Amino acid sequence: MADVTTDPSGHAPVETDADAPAPADHGDGHGDGHDAHATSTGLSNAKVAMWLFLGSECLLFGGLISTYMLYRNRHSESLGPDQLWDIPFTSASSFVLLMSSLTMVLAVSAATRRDDRNTRLWLTVTALLGGLFVAGQVYEFTTFYREGLGYTTSLFSSSFYTLTGFHGVHVSVGIIMLLSLVGMLSRDKVRGDKAETVEIVGLYWHFVDIVWIIIFTLVYLIPA
């Protein structure tokens, strides 16, 4: 419907259309529902950055795994995988780490529901399970060292400690990220979308879990 208004200068009346659509938002970030941080993929910059980082980590672990596969037979007859591996113990430790992926999913689900209490709870449980895995790895390394398998004992030992040690460092970094996020949520210091922040940390955590499945299969389950 058109409204007629009088020009203050005394000229002819001016018609205005009250039902005319509002000016379109041209992507300046001020329109309602517009995500200023979205990329052409539909993902936020932070999530894209995490995916790119994980892609580079795939290259790193791919090189480490390939190196181990090349050198896993370069060991003495008395200090090889057959004499060292404790498959039941490592399997139990692996199960603990895999269960942490489930608790991470529960944390992301709680964050999506804006349930901060359960989000903090499941993030803490995930960190504790990761800590148990790292403790088991330290125990395993200590046992191997006491049996005579040092880092420079053979090409097998060097490649094994480097591969599994790097993964342990990644799990430790993930634990720090989880506990830091719990602290930030407790003090309401998380900027932006909390659910997305939890999801991004979850992407990293699921990555280290998937990498361990590959390592556990190739290193412990497939004979040399």
Protein backbone atom coordinates (compact mmCIF):
# COMPACT_ATOMS: atom_id res chain seq x y z
CA MET A 1 0.00 0.00 0.00
CA ALA A 2 1.40 3.41 -0.96
CA ASP A 3 1.49 6.32 1.50
CA VAL A 4 1.39 9.91 0.28
CA THR A 5 3.61 12.43 2.07
CA THR A 6 4.06 16.12 1.44
CA ASP A 7 7.45 17.39 0.41
CA PRO A 8 8.55 20.05 2.98
CA SER A 9 9.71 22.30 0.14
CA GLY A 10 6.13 22.61 -1.05
CA HIS A 11 6.57 20.64 -4.25
CA ALA A 12 4.41 17.75 -5.47
CA PRO A 13 3.50 14.99 -3.04
CA VAL A 14 5.85 12.00 -2.87
CA GLU A 15 4.54 8.44 -2.83
CA THR A 16 6.26 5.93 -0.61
CA ASP A 17 5.62 2.21 -0.64
CA ALA A 18 5.29 0.96 2.94
CA ASP A 19 5.39 -2.64 1.76
CA ALA A 20 8.59 -2.29 -0.24
CA PRO A 21 11.25 -4.86 0.72
CA ALA A 22 14.15 -3.76 2.89
CA PRO A 23 17.52 -3.27 1.19
CA ALA A 24 19.33 -6.54 0.67
CA ASP A 25 22.31 -7.43 2.82
CA HIS A 26 25.37 -7.46 0.59
CA GLY A 27 27.52 -9.53 2.92
CA ASP A 28 28.90 -6.79 5.14
CA GLY A 29 28.29 -8.96 8.20
CA HIS A 30 25.58 -6.72 9.74
CA GLY A 31 22.52 -8.55 8.44
CA ASP A 32 20.52 -10.80 10.72
CA GLY A 33 21.58 -14.44 10.57
CA HIS A 34 24.72 -13.66 8.61
CA ASP A 35 27.87 -15.45 9.81
CA ALA A 36 30.76 -13.06 9.35
CA HIS A 37 33.25 -15.89 9.84
CA ALA A 38 31.73 -18.36 7.37
CA THR A 39 33.79 -19.48 4.38
CA SER A 40 32.68 -20.49 0.92
CA THR A 41 32.53 -24.11 2.17
CA GLY A 42 29.88 -23.22 4.75
CA LEU A 43 32.32 -23.94 7.58
CA SER A 44 33.74 -21.39 9.98
CA ASN A 45 37.37 -20.25 9.66
CA ALA A 46 38.27 -22.04 12.90
CA LYS A 47 36.85 -25.35 11.71
CA VAL A 48 38.55 -25.07 8.31
CA ALA A 49 41.84 -24.31 10.08
CA MET A 50 41.45 -27.43 12.22
CA TRP A 51 40.75 -29.60 9.17
CA LEU A 52 43.84 -28.20 7.43
CA PHE A 53 45.92 -28.87 10.54
CA LEU A 54 44.64 -32.45 10.73
CA GLY A 55 45.48 -32.89 7.05
CA SER A 56 49.09 -31.93 7.75
CA GLU A 57 49.09 -34.32 10.71
CA CYS A 58 48.03 -37.12 8.38
CA LEU A 59 51.19 -36.49 6.36
CA LEU A 60 53.31 -36.54 9.53
CA PHE A 61 51.90 -39.81 10.83
CA GLY A 62 51.94 -41.30 7.36
CA GLY A 63 55.69 -40.73 7.21
CA LEU A 64 56.25 -42.12 10.71
CA ILE A 65 54.16 -45.22 10.05
CA SER A 66 55.94 -45.84 6.74
CA THR A 67 59.32 -45.53 8.46
CA TYR A 68 58.32 -48.03 11.12
CA MET A 69 57.05 -50.50 8.51
CA LEU A 70 60.41 -50.29 6.75
CA TYR A 71 62.47 -50.83 9.90
CA ARG A 72 60.32 -53.14 12.01
CA ASN A 73 62.43 -56.17 11.08
CA ARG A 74 65.73 -54.44 11.92
CA HIS A 75 66.16 -55.85 15.43
CA SER A 76 68.04 -58.55 17.27
CA GLU A 77 66.55 -61.99 17.73
CA SER A 78 66.12 -61.47 21.48
CA LEU A 79 64.52 -58.00 21.39
CA GLY A 80 61.84 -58.13 18.75
CA PRO A 81 58.07 -57.64 18.88
CA ASP A 82 57.50 -61.33 19.65
CA GLN A 83 59.49 -61.00 22.87
CA LEU A 84 58.19 -57.59 23.95
CA TRP A 85 54.55 -57.04 23.07
CA ASP A 86 51.96 -57.53 25.78
CA ILE A 87 48.89 -57.66 23.54
CA PRO A 88 46.26 -58.01 26.32
CA PHE A 89 47.61 -54.96 28.17
CA THR A 90 47.90 -52.82 25.03
CA SER A 91 44.44 -53.94 23.93
CA ALA A 92 42.96 -52.81 27.25
CA SER A 93 44.78 -49.47 26.96
CA SER A 94 43.49 -49.07 23.42
CA PHE A 95 39.94 -49.81 24.55
CA VAL A 96 40.21 -47.03 27.15
CA LEU A 97 41.26 -44.55 24.45
CA LEU A 98 38.46 -45.63 22.14
CA MET A 99 35.92 -45.17 24.93
CA SER A 100 37.14 -41.59 25.25
CA SER A 101 35.79 -40.99 21.74
CA LEU A 102 32.34 -41.95 23.01
CA THR A 103 32.56 -39.53 25.95
CA MET A 104 33.76 -36.85 23.53
CA VAL A 105 30.63 -37.39 21.43
CA LEU A 106 28.53 -37.02 24.58
CA ALA A 107 30.34 -33.77 25.37
CA VAL A 108 29.60 -32.37 21.89
CA SER A 109 25.97 -33.45 22.21
CA ALA A 110 25.64 -31.72 25.59
CA ALA A 111 27.26 -28.56 24.19
CA THR A 112 24.78 -28.55 21.31
CA ARG A 113 21.96 -28.64 23.86
CA ARG A 114 23.68 -25.80 25.76
CA ASP A 115 24.04 -28.05 28.78
CA ASP A 116 27.24 -26.61 30.23
CA ARG A 117 27.25 -28.87 33.27
CA ASN A 118 27.23 -32.13 31.31
CA THR A 119 29.59 -30.66 28.74
CA ARG A 120 32.19 -30.03 31.44
CA LEU A 121 31.51 -33.47 32.94
CA TRP A 122 32.07 -35.41 29.72
CA LEU A 123 35.08 -33.32 28.74
CA THR A 124 36.64 -34.13 32.11
CA VAL A 125 35.88 -37.83 31.73
CA THR A 126 37.44 -37.77 28.26
CA ALA A 127 40.58 -36.16 29.65
CA LEU A 128 40.79 -38.77 32.43
CA LEU A 129 40.48 -41.64 29.95
CA GLY A 130 43.18 -40.06 27.82
CA GLY A 131 45.36 -39.75 30.91
CA LEU A 132 44.93 -43.46 31.63
CA PHE A 133 46.06 -44.26 28.10
CA VAL A 134 49.17 -42.08 28.41
CA ALA A 135 49.95 -43.65 31.80
CA GLY A 136 49.69 -47.11 30.22
CA GLN A 137 52.04 -46.03 27.42
CA VAL A 138 54.59 -44.73 29.93
CA TYR A 139 54.40 -48.03 31.81
CA GLU A 140 54.89 -49.93 28.55
CA PHE A 141 57.91 -47.85 27.56
CA THR A 142 59.43 -48.31 31.00
CA THR A 143 58.97 -52.08 30.79
CA PHE A 144 60.57 -52.23 27.34
CA TYR A 145 63.53 -50.15 28.51
CA ARG A 146 64.13 -52.42 31.51
CA GLU A 147 64.15 -55.38 29.17
CA GLY A 148 66.91 -53.73 27.16
CA LEU A 149 65.04 -51.96 24.36
CA GLY A 150 66.45 -48.43 24.33
CA TYR A 151 65.80 -45.73 21.79
CA THR A 152 69.12 -46.37 20.00
CA THR A 153 69.16 -50.15 20.44
CA SER A 154 68.11 -50.77 16.85
CA LEU A 155 66.35 -49.20 13.89
CA PHE A 156 63.24 -51.05 15.03
CA SER A 157 63.32 -49.49 18.50
CA SER A 158 64.03 -46.00 17.17
CA SER A 159 61.14 -46.08 14.71
CA PHE A 160 58.82 -47.68 17.29
CA TYR A 161 59.52 -45.14 20.05
CA THR A 162 59.31 -42.24 17.60
CA LEU A 163 55.95 -43.34 16.17
CA THR A 164 54.21 -44.25 19.42
CA GLY A 165 55.91 -41.44 21.33
CA PHE A 166 54.68 -38.81 18.88
CA HIS A 167 51.18 -40.18 19.23
CA GLY A 168 51.47 -40.04 23.03
CA VAL A 169 52.51 -36.40 22.78
CA HIS A 170 49.44 -35.68 20.65
CA VAL A 171 47.19 -37.34 23.21
CA SER A 172 48.83 -35.27 25.96
CA VAL A 173 48.21 -32.08 23.98
CA GLY A 174 44.59 -33.15 23.57
CA ILE A 175 44.27 -33.62 27.34
CA ILE A 176 45.59 -30.09 27.89
CA MET A 177 43.07 -28.76 25.36
CA LEU A 178 40.20 -30.59 27.09
CA LEU A 179 41.08 -29.41 30.58
CA SER A 180 41.65 -25.85 29.35
CA LEU A 181 38.24 -25.90 27.71
CA VAL A 182 36.66 -27.15 30.95
CA GLY A 183 38.24 -24.25 32.81
CA MET A 184 37.09 -21.74 30.22
CA LEU A 185 33.54 -23.07 30.31
CA SER A 186 33.53 -22.90 34.11
CA ARG A 187 34.47 -19.21 33.98
CA ASP A 188 32.29 -18.52 30.90
CA LYS A 189 35.34 -17.40 28.95
CA VAL A 190 34.54 -19.17 25.68
CA ARG A 191 33.97 -16.64 22.92
CA GLY A 192 31.58 -17.30 20.08
CA ASP A 193 29.69 -20.54 19.66
CA LYS A 194 30.49 -22.88 22.57
CA ALA A 195 29.16 -25.93 20.74
CA GLU A 196 31.44 -25.28 17.78
CA THR A 197 34.45 -24.82 20.07
CA VAL A 198 33.76 -28.16 21.73
CA GLU A 199 33.26 -29.75 18.32
CA ILE A 200 36.61 -28.46 17.05
CA VAL A 201 38.41 -29.93 20.06
CA GLY A 202 36.45 -33.12 19.43
CA LEU A 203 37.74 -33.27 15.85
CA TYR A 204 41.30 -33.29 17.15
CA TRP A 205 40.51 -35.93 19.76
CA HIS A 206 38.79 -38.25 17.28
CA PHE A 207 41.78 -37.85 14.98
CA VAL A 208 44.28 -39.11 17.56
CA ASP A 209 41.94 -42.02 18.32
CA ILE A 210 41.70 -43.01 14.66
CA VAL A 211 45.48 -42.74 14.27
CA TRP A 212 45.94 -45.05 17.25
CA ILE A 213 43.63 -47.66 15.69
CA ILE A 214 45.92 -47.68 12.65
CA ILE A 215 49.08 -47.80 14.77
CA PHE A 216 47.75 -50.54 17.03
CA THR A 217 46.73 -52.66 14.04
CA LEU A 218 49.99 -52.28 12.11
CA VAL A 219 52.41 -52.36 15.03
CA TYR A 220 50.86 -54.82 17.47
CA LEU A 221 48.43 -57.04 15.59
CA ILE A 222 50.06 -57.62 12.20
CA PRO A 223 53.16 -59.79 12.60
CA ALA A 224 56.41 -58.66 11.03
